[in-house]
């Protein structure tokens, strides 16, 4: 089954914020981190269920860890919906 990757507007803002924060100290590192997150998002199209379920409060929400960051996403028959990309230290239960 071919699913299409869809990234929410807030997840795009998350990626911009991640890049900007890291780029304050090292632009090349910022590019590498965001590239790695984006590559992982793309890989979810082929292996959507590789991520673990978040828990009972978000029954269909999954997550995938990429370094210090966590991609939160949902899988439907037609799409992989990237909901948020957060730093692992952020309170995801409150934010999601």
C-alpha atoms as a PDB file:
ATOM      1  CA  UNK A   1       0.000   0.000   0.000  1.00  0.00           C
ATOM      2  CA  UNK A   2       1.349   3.409  -0.963  1.00  0.00           C
ATOM      3  CA  UNK A   3       0.821   6.042   1.670  1.00  0.00           C
ATOM      4  CA  UNK A   4       1.490   9.717   1.205  1.00  0.00           C
ATOM      5  CA  UNK A   5       3.528  11.699   3.739  1.00  0.00           C
ATOM      6  CA  UNK A   6       1.761  14.779   5.116  1.00  0.00           C
ATOM      7  CA  UNK A   7       3.522  17.124   7.535  1.00  0.00           C
ATOM      8  CA  UNK A   8       1.335  19.366   9.683  1.00  0.00           C
ATOM      9  CA  UNK A   9       1.974  23.090   9.777  1.00  0.00           C
ATOM     10  CA  UNK A  10       2.948  22.886  13.452  1.00  0.00           C
ATOM     11  CA  UNK A  11       5.462  20.115  12.682  1.00  0.00           C
ATOM     12  CA  UNK A  12       6.989  22.341   9.987  1.00  0.00           C
ATOM     13  CA  UNK A  13       7.286  25.090  12.603  1.00  0.00           C
ATOM     14  CA  UNK A  14       8.866  22.556  14.981  1.00  0.00           C
ATOM     15  CA  UNK A  15      11.493  21.723  12.339  1.00  0.00           C
ATOM     16  CA  UNK A  16      12.215  25.393  11.700  1.00  0.00           C
ATOM     17  CA  UNK A  17      12.596  26.031  15.430  1.00  0.00           C
ATOM     18  CA  UNK A  18      14.911  23.032  15.834  1.00  0.00           C
ATOM     19  CA  UNK A  19      17.051  24.219  12.947  1.00  0.00           C
ATOM     20  CA  UNK A  20      17.174  27.811  14.178  1.00  0.00           C
ATOM     21  CA  UNK A  21      18.117  26.787  17.714  1.00  0.00           C
ATOM     22  CA  UNK A  22      20.975  24.519  16.636  1.00  0.00           C
ATOM     23  CA  UNK A  23      22.117  26.953  13.913  1.00  0.00           C
ATOM     24  CA  UNK A  24      22.802  29.613  16.550  1.00  0.00           C
ATOM     25  CA  UNK A  25      25.918  27.579  17.339  1.00  0.00           C
ATOM     26  CA  UNK A  26      26.514  25.453  14.252  1.00  0.00           C
ATOM     27  CA  UNK A  27      24.616  25.779  10.957  1.00  0.00           C
ATOM     28  CA  UNK A  28      26.098  22.580   9.496  1.00  0.00           C
ATOM     29  CA  UNK A  29      24.980  20.581  12.525  1.00  0.00           C
ATOM     30  CA  UNK A  30      21.507  22.120  12.245  1.00  0.00           C
ATOM     31  CA  UNK A  31      21.296  21.062   8.600  1.00  0.00           C
ATOM     32  CA  UNK A  32      22.393  17.516   9.469  1.00  0.00           C
ATOM     33  CA  UNK A  33      19.899  17.129  12.317  1.00  0.00           C
ATOM     34  CA  UNK A  34      16.940  18.384  10.280  1.00  0.00           C
ATOM     35  CA  UNK A  35      18.014  16.285   7.270  1.00  0.00           C
ATOM     36  CA  UNK A  36      18.115  13.186   9.480  1.00  0.00           C
ATOM     37  CA  UNK A  37      14.653  13.932  10.894  1.00  0.00           C
ATOM     38  CA  UNK A  38      13.262  14.495   7.397  1.00  0.00           C
ATOM     39  CA  UNK A  39      14.836  11.259   6.123  1.00  0.00           C
ATOM     40  CA  UNK A  40      13.271   9.361   9.006  1.00  0.00           C
ATOM     41  CA  UNK A  41       9.885  10.902   8.215  1.00  0.00           C
ATOM     42  CA  UNK A  42      10.240   9.784   4.606  1.00  0.00           C
ATOM     43  CA  UNK A  43      11.184   6.257   5.719  1.00  0.00           C
ATOM     44  CA  UNK A  44       7.880   5.989   7.575  1.00  0.00           C
ATOM     45  CA  UNK A  45       6.110   5.739   4.219  1.00  0.00           C
ATOM     46  CA  UNK A  46       7.752   2.344   3.668  1.00  0.00           C
ATOM     47  CA  UNK A  47       7.657   1.169   7.294  1.00  0.00           C
ATOM     48  CA  UNK A  48       4.842   3.073   9.020  1.00  0.00           C
ATOM     49  CA  UNK A  49       4.394   0.757  11.983  1.00  0.00           C
ATOM     50  CA  UNK A  50       8.036   0.771  13.046  1.00  0.00           C
ATOM     51  CA  UNK A  51       7.280   3.442  15.640  1.00  0.00           C
ATOM     52  CA  UNK A  52       5.807   2.622  19.026  1.00  0.00           C
ATOM     53  CA  UNK A  53       2.355   3.661  20.149  1.00  0.00           C
ATOM     54  CA  UNK A  54       2.364   6.657  22.492  1.00  0.00           C
ATOM     55  CA  UNK A  55      -0.216   5.322  24.930  1.00  0.00           C
ATOM     56  CA  UNK A  56      -3.858   5.163  25.817  1.00  0.00           C
ATOM     57  CA  UNK A  57      -4.488   8.923  25.800  1.00  0.00           C
ATOM     58  CA  UNK A  58      -3.538   9.049  22.106  1.00  0.00           C
ATOM     59  CA  UNK A  59      -4.617   5.609  20.955  1.00  0.00           C
ATOM     60  CA  UNK A  60      -3.427   5.866  17.341  1.00  0.00           C
ATOM     61  CA  UNK A  61      -0.457   8.211  17.815  1.00  0.00           C
ATOM     62  CA  UNK A  62       2.972   6.697  17.230  1.00  0.00           C
ATOM     63  CA  UNK A  63       6.473   7.997  17.813  1.00  0.00           C
ATOM     64  CA  UNK A  64       9.919   7.469  16.372  1.00  0.00           C
ATOM     65  CA  UNK A  65      13.091   8.704  18.075  1.00  0.00           C
ATOM     66  CA  UNK A  66      15.787  10.417  16.009  1.00  0.00           C
ATOM     67  CA  UNK A  67      18.746  11.368  18.170  1.00  0.00           C
ATOM     68  CA  UNK A  68      17.437  13.842  20.760  1.00  0.00           C
ATOM     69  CA  UNK A  69      14.180  14.420  18.882  1.00  0.00           C
ATOM     70  CA  UNK A  70      10.889  12.561  18.677  1.00  0.00           C
ATOM     71  CA  UNK A  71       8.625  12.415  15.638  1.00  0.00           C
ATOM     72  CA  UNK A  72       4.942  11.983  16.522  1.00  0.00           C
ATOM     73  CA  UNK A  73       2.759  10.653  13.726  1.00  0.00           C
ATOM     74  CA  UNK A  74      -0.444   8.872  12.794  1.00  0.00           C
ATOM     75  CA  UNK A  75      -0.933   6.162  10.166  1.00  0.00           C
ATOM     76  CA  UNK A  76      -4.086   5.925   8.063  1.00  0.00           C
ATOM     77  CA  UNK A  77      -4.858   3.820   5.022  1.00  0.00           C
ATOM     78  CA  UNK A  78      -3.706   6.627   2.725  1.00  0.00           C
ATOM     79  CA  UNK A  79      -1.347   8.829   4.736  1.00  0.00           C
ATOM     80  CA  UNK A  80       1.428   9.165   7.248  1.00  0.00           C
ATOM     81  CA  UNK A  81       0.501  12.320   9.201  1.00  0.00           C
ATOM     82  CA  UNK A  82       3.484  13.927  10.933  1.00  0.00           C
ATOM     83  CA  UNK A  83       1.889  15.715  13.886  1.00  0.00           C
ATOM     84  CA  UNK A  84       4.839  17.147  15.833  1.00  0.00           C
ATOM     85  CA  UNK A  85       8.621  16.945  16.116  1.00  0.00           C
ATOM     86  CA  UNK A  86       9.720  17.651  19.679  1.00  0.00           C
ATOM     87  CA  UNK A  87      12.927  17.550  21.683  1.00  0.00           C
ATOM     88  CA  UNK A  88      12.934  14.516  23.955  1.00  0.00           C
ATOM     89  CA  UNK A  89      13.099  16.742  27.054  1.00  0.00           C
ATOM     90  CA  UNK A  90       9.817  18.478  26.190  1.00  0.00           C
ATOM     91  CA  UNK A  91       6.632  17.431  27.991  1.00  0.00           C
ATOM     92  CA  UNK A  92       4.973  15.637  25.086  1.00  0.00           C
ATOM     93  CA  UNK A  93       1.892  14.628  27.091  1.00  0.00           C
ATOM     94  CA  UNK A  94       1.152  18.288  27.792  1.00  0.00           C
ATOM     95  CA  UNK A  95       2.002  19.499  24.283  1.00  0.00           C
ATOM     96  CA  UNK A  96       0.202  16.807  22.322  1.00  0.00           C
END
